[in-house]
Amino acid sequence: MYHYIESGLPNVHLKNGYSIEVIDDEEYTSIDDMDGLHRVLARTIASKAMPLTNAEFKFLRIELNLSQRILGKRFGVSEQTIARYEKGQSEIPRTTDAALRSLYMESIEQNNSVSYFLDLLANYEAEQAAQEILLEEIDREWKLAG
């Protein structure tokens, strides 16, 4: 099992779909389908019932290919506000969380209303422990490990 730290997300592990090679005493990891991995990871993050972490917020913004400045303009806040969300210096408002999820789902044409995500977050129990995400590649496609 490989701990996928390059994503910036602390609890992502890959069951397969990667290879590790040692060249000149340096270890190199190769992911078979990086784009597919990022798509399923972003979709999983956007659909989860817990509020977005700062790292997840940043991951979704990057997957949307938006700068902090552009996302800030879309949300009516400064670039610095987006940076504070991503650094964990400011709490991400529920409506901002839901709006970012909605933007991502719209980008992959899985439209869910903002109210869906607001309801999802409203039902979250704050005392639940963070869940680990385990992914595997099956038939050259990334999926949640069963």
C-alpha atoms as a PDB file:
ATOM      1  CA  MET A   1       0.000   0.000   0.000  1.00  0.00           C
ATOM      2  CA  TYR A   2       1.349   3.409  -0.998  1.00  0.00           C
ATOM      3  CA  HIS A   3       0.675   6.589   0.982  1.00  0.00           C
ATOM      4  CA  TYR A   4      -0.084   9.133  -1.754  1.00  0.00           C
ATOM      5  CA  ILE A   5       1.353  12.271  -0.154  1.00  0.00           C
ATOM      6  CA  GLU A   6       1.824  14.119  -3.450  1.00  0.00           C
ATOM      7  CA  SER A   7      -1.893  14.928  -3.408  1.00  0.00           C
ATOM      8  CA  GLY A   8      -1.426  17.090  -0.319  1.00  0.00           C
ATOM      9  CA  LEU A   9      -4.144  15.042   1.378  1.00  0.00           C
ATOM     10  CA  PRO A  10      -2.966  13.228   4.518  1.00  0.00           C
ATOM     11  CA  ASN A  11      -5.139  10.090   4.418  1.00  0.00           C
ATOM     12  CA  VAL A  12      -4.933   8.888   0.823  1.00  0.00           C
ATOM     13  CA  HIS A  13      -3.489   5.433   0.246  1.00  0.00           C
ATOM     14  CA  LEU A  14      -3.278   3.483  -2.999  1.00  0.00           C
ATOM     15  CA  LYS A  15      -3.854  -0.255  -2.943  1.00  0.00           C
ATOM     16  CA  ASN A  16      -2.401  -0.723  -6.451  1.00  0.00           C
ATOM     17  CA  GLY A  17      -2.050   1.147  -9.740  1.00  0.00           C
ATOM     18  CA  TYR A  18       1.458   2.377  -9.048  1.00  0.00           C
ATOM     19  CA  SER A  19       5.014   1.150  -9.294  1.00  0.00           C
ATOM     20  CA  ILE A  20       8.135   2.012  -7.330  1.00  0.00           C
ATOM     21  CA  GLU A  21      11.525   1.924  -8.981  1.00  0.00           C
ATOM     22  CA  VAL A  22      14.947   2.532  -7.452  1.00  0.00           C
ATOM     23  CA  ILE A  23      17.491   4.301  -9.660  1.00  0.00           C
ATOM     24  CA  ASP A  24      20.900   5.305  -8.264  1.00  0.00           C
ATOM     25  CA  ASP A  25      19.652   4.700  -4.713  1.00  0.00           C
ATOM     26  CA  GLU A  26      16.736   7.110  -5.308  1.00  0.00           C
ATOM     27  CA  GLU A  27      13.165   5.820  -5.062  1.00  0.00           C
ATOM     28  CA  TYR A  28      10.753   6.913  -7.803  1.00  0.00           C
ATOM     29  CA  THR A  29       7.029   6.274  -7.784  1.00  0.00           C
ATOM     30  CA  SER A  30       4.973   6.118 -10.963  1.00  0.00           C
ATOM     31  CA  ILE A  31       1.174   6.344 -10.979  1.00  0.00           C
ATOM     32  CA  ASP A  32      -0.477   4.447 -13.855  1.00  0.00           C
ATOM     33  CA  ASP A  33      -3.349   6.891 -14.500  1.00  0.00           C
ATOM     34  CA  MET A  34      -2.759  10.150 -12.650  1.00  0.00           C
ATOM     35  CA  ASP A  35      -5.667  12.000 -14.298  1.00  0.00           C
ATOM     36  CA  GLY A  36      -8.098   9.201 -13.458  1.00  0.00           C
ATOM     37  CA  LEU A  37      -6.780   9.027  -9.905  1.00  0.00           C
ATOM     38  CA  HIS A  38      -7.277  12.764  -9.396  1.00  0.00           C
ATOM     39  CA  ARG A  39     -10.791  12.641 -10.895  1.00  0.00           C
ATOM     40  CA  VAL A  40     -12.003   9.892  -8.546  1.00  0.00           C
ATOM     41  CA  LEU A  41     -10.257  11.503  -5.590  1.00  0.00           C
ATOM     42  CA  ALA A  42     -11.845  14.899  -6.286  1.00  0.00           C
ATOM     43  CA  ARG A  43     -15.282  13.312  -6.834  1.00  0.00           C
ATOM     44  CA  THR A  44     -14.903  11.405  -3.541  1.00  0.00           C
ATOM     45  CA  ILE A  45     -13.922  14.572  -1.683  1.00  0.00           C
ATOM     46  CA  ALA A  46     -16.753  16.607  -3.226  1.00  0.00           C
ATOM     47  CA  SER A  47     -19.310  13.933  -2.254  1.00  0.00           C
ATOM     48  CA  LYS A  48     -18.240  13.269   1.325  1.00  0.00           C
ATOM     49  CA  ALA A  49     -20.519  14.101   4.246  1.00  0.00           C
ATOM     50  CA  MET A  50     -17.866  15.934   6.267  1.00  0.00           C
ATOM     51  CA  PRO A  51     -16.813  19.578   5.840  1.00  0.00           C
ATOM     52  CA  LEU A  52     -13.869  20.111   3.515  1.00  0.00           C
ATOM     53  CA  THR A  53     -10.462  20.315   5.131  1.00  0.00           C
ATOM     54  CA  ASN A  54      -8.095  23.058   4.036  1.00  0.00           C
ATOM     55  CA  ALA A  55      -6.101  20.519   1.965  1.00  0.00           C
ATOM     56  CA  GLU A  56      -9.280  19.198   0.302  1.00  0.00           C
ATOM     57  CA  PHE A  57     -10.414  22.744  -0.475  1.00  0.00           C
ATOM     58  CA  LYS A  58      -7.055  23.427  -2.175  1.00  0.00           C
ATOM     59  CA  PHE A  59      -7.139  20.088  -4.020  1.00  0.00           C
ATOM     60  CA  LEU A  60     -10.579  20.846  -5.512  1.00  0.00           C
ATOM     61  CA  ARG A  61      -9.522  24.383  -6.490  1.00  0.00           C
ATOM     62  CA  ILE A  62      -6.467  23.014  -8.273  1.00  0.00           C
ATOM     63  CA  GLU A  63      -8.533  20.297  -9.982  1.00  0.00           C
ATOM     64  CA  LEU A  64     -10.796  23.085 -11.254  1.00  0.00           C
ATOM     65  CA  ASN A  65      -7.638  24.784 -12.579  1.00  0.00           C
ATOM     66  CA  LEU A  66      -8.536  28.034 -10.799  1.00  0.00           C
ATOM     67  CA  SER A  67      -6.097  30.426  -9.175  1.00  0.00           C
ATOM     68  CA  GLN A  68      -6.792  31.722  -5.681  1.00  0.00           C
ATOM     69  CA  ARG A  69      -7.470  35.137  -7.253  1.00  0.00           C
ATOM     70  CA  ILE A  70     -10.051  33.830  -9.738  1.00  0.00           C
ATOM     71  CA  LEU A  71     -11.802  31.637  -7.150  1.00  0.00           C
ATOM     72  CA  GLY A  72     -11.858  34.587  -4.742  1.00  0.00           C
ATOM     73  CA  LYS A  73     -13.517  36.744  -7.415  1.00  0.00           C
ATOM     74  CA  ARG A  74     -16.142  34.051  -8.041  1.00  0.00           C
ATOM     75  CA  PHE A  75     -16.898  33.814  -4.315  1.00  0.00           C
ATOM     76  CA  GLY A  76     -16.726  37.576  -3.699  1.00  0.00           C
ATOM     77  CA  VAL A  77     -13.728  37.360  -1.356  1.00  0.00           C
ATOM     78  CA  SER A  78     -10.075  38.306  -1.621  1.00  0.00           C
ATOM     79  CA  GLU A  79      -7.271  36.082  -2.851  1.00  0.00           C
ATOM     80  CA  GLN A  80      -5.878  36.269   0.697  1.00  0.00           C
ATOM     81  CA  THR A  81      -9.122  34.849   2.099  1.00  0.00           C
ATOM     82  CA  ILE A  82      -8.831  31.818  -0.193  1.00  0.00           C
ATOM     83  CA  ALA A  83      -5.181  31.433   0.862  1.00  0.00           C
ATOM     84  CA  ARG A  84      -6.217  31.536   4.549  1.00  0.00           C
ATOM     85  CA  TYR A  85      -8.812  28.785   3.934  1.00  0.00           C
ATOM     86  CA  GLU A  86      -6.144  26.646   2.255  1.00  0.00           C
ATOM     87  CA  LYS A  87      -3.584  27.228   5.021  1.00  0.00           C
ATOM     88  CA  GLY A  88      -6.139  26.430   7.730  1.00  0.00           C
ATOM     89  CA  GLN A  89      -5.905  29.978   9.118  1.00  0.00           C
ATOM     90  CA  SER A  90      -9.611  30.689   8.580  1.00  0.00           C
ATOM     91  CA  GLU A  91     -12.596  28.402   8.841  1.00  0.00           C
ATOM     92  CA  ILE A  92     -14.203  27.637   5.488  1.00  0.00           C
ATOM     93  CA  PRO A  93     -17.815  28.881   5.603  1.00  0.00           C
ATOM     94  CA  ARG A  94     -20.415  26.219   4.907  1.00  0.00           C
ATOM     95  CA  THR A  95     -21.743  28.104   1.875  1.00  0.00           C
ATOM     96  CA  THR A  96     -18.226  28.420   0.420  1.00  0.00           C
ATOM     97  CA  ASP A  97     -17.639  24.704   1.024  1.00  0.00           C
ATOM     98  CA  ALA A  98     -20.900  23.839  -0.741  1.00  0.00           C
ATOM     99  CA  ALA A  99     -20.232  26.268  -3.598  1.00  0.00           C
ATOM    100  CA  LEU A 100     -16.782  24.795  -4.309  1.00  0.00           C
ATOM    101  CA  ARG A 101     -18.207  21.261  -4.303  1.00  0.00           C
ATOM    102  CA  SER A 102     -20.977  22.367  -6.623  1.00  0.00           C
ATOM    103  CA  LEU A 103     -18.490  24.024  -9.000  1.00  0.00           C
ATOM    104  CA  TYR A 104     -16.459  20.828  -9.139  1.00  0.00           C
ATOM    105  CA  MET A 105     -19.480  18.574  -9.735  1.00  0.00           C
ATOM    106  CA  GLU A 106     -20.727  20.953 -12.412  1.00  0.00           C
ATOM    107  CA  SER A 107     -17.300  20.755 -14.079  1.00  0.00           C
ATOM    108  CA  ILE A 108     -17.671  16.976 -14.426  1.00  0.00           C
ATOM    109  CA  GLU A 109     -21.369  17.288 -15.293  1.00  0.00           C
ATOM    110  CA  GLN A 110     -22.636  15.634 -12.144  1.00  0.00           C
ATOM    111  CA  ASN A 111     -24.806  18.548 -11.176  1.00  0.00           C
ATOM    112  CA  ASN A 112     -25.976  18.556  -7.600  1.00  0.00           C
ATOM    113  CA  SER A 113     -27.660  21.597  -6.155  1.00  0.00           C
ATOM    114  CA  VAL A 114     -25.909  23.723  -3.577  1.00  0.00           C
ATOM    115  CA  SER A 115     -28.731  22.830  -1.183  1.00  0.00           C
ATOM    116  CA  TYR A 116     -27.735  19.157  -1.535  1.00  0.00           C
ATOM    117  CA  PHE A 117     -24.248  19.945  -0.218  1.00  0.00           C
ATOM    118  CA  LEU A 118     -25.576  22.278   2.484  1.00  0.00           C
ATOM    119  CA  ASP A 119     -27.865  19.471   3.686  1.00  0.00           C
ATOM    120  CA  LEU A 120     -24.970  17.008   3.510  1.00  0.00           C
ATOM    121  CA  LEU A 121     -22.858  19.259   5.716  1.00  0.00           C
ATOM    122  CA  ALA A 122     -25.733  20.021   8.082  1.00  0.00           C
ATOM    123  CA  ASN A 123     -26.085  16.292   8.787  1.00  0.00           C
ATOM    124  CA  TYR A 124     -22.413  15.836   9.571  1.00  0.00           C
ATOM    125  CA  GLU A 125     -21.636  14.957  13.162  1.00  0.00           C
ATOM    126  CA  ALA A 126     -18.619  16.974  14.314  1.00  0.00           C
ATOM    127  CA  GLU A 127     -17.340  14.210  16.604  1.00  0.00           C
ATOM    128  CA  GLN A 128     -16.881  11.686  13.780  1.00  0.00           C
ATOM    129  CA  ALA A 129     -13.249  10.804  13.127  1.00  0.00           C
ATOM    130  CA  ALA A 130     -11.777  11.630   9.727  1.00  0.00           C
ATOM    131  CA  GLN A 131     -12.036   8.730   7.297  1.00  0.00           C
ATOM    132  CA  GLU A 132      -9.126   7.281   5.380  1.00  0.00           C
ATOM    133  CA  ILE A 133      -9.569   7.121   1.620  1.00  0.00           C
ATOM    134  CA  LEU A 134      -8.326   3.880   0.050  1.00  0.00           C
ATOM    135  CA  LEU A 135      -8.270   3.748  -3.741  1.00  0.00           C
ATOM    136  CA  GLU A 136      -7.464   0.943  -6.168  1.00  0.00           C
ATOM    137  CA  GLU A 137      -7.090   0.646  -9.898  1.00  0.00           C
ATOM    138  CA  ILE A 138      -9.312  -1.960 -11.537  1.00  0.00           C
ATOM    139  CA  ASP A 139      -9.217  -2.475 -15.284  1.00  0.00           C
ATOM    140  CA  ARG A 140      -7.212   0.754 -15.716  1.00  0.00           C
ATOM    141  CA  GLU A 141      -9.795   2.822 -13.817  1.00  0.00           C
ATOM    142  CA  TRP A 142      -9.437   4.288 -10.297  1.00  0.00           C
ATOM    143  CA  LYS A 143     -12.204   3.452  -7.796  1.00  0.00           C
ATOM    144  CA  LEU A 144     -12.802   3.422  -4.064  1.00  0.00           C
ATOM    145  CA  ALA A 145     -11.411   0.162  -2.685  1.00  0.00           C
ATOM    146  CA  GLY A 146     -14.129  -2.154  -1.495  1.00  0.00           C
END
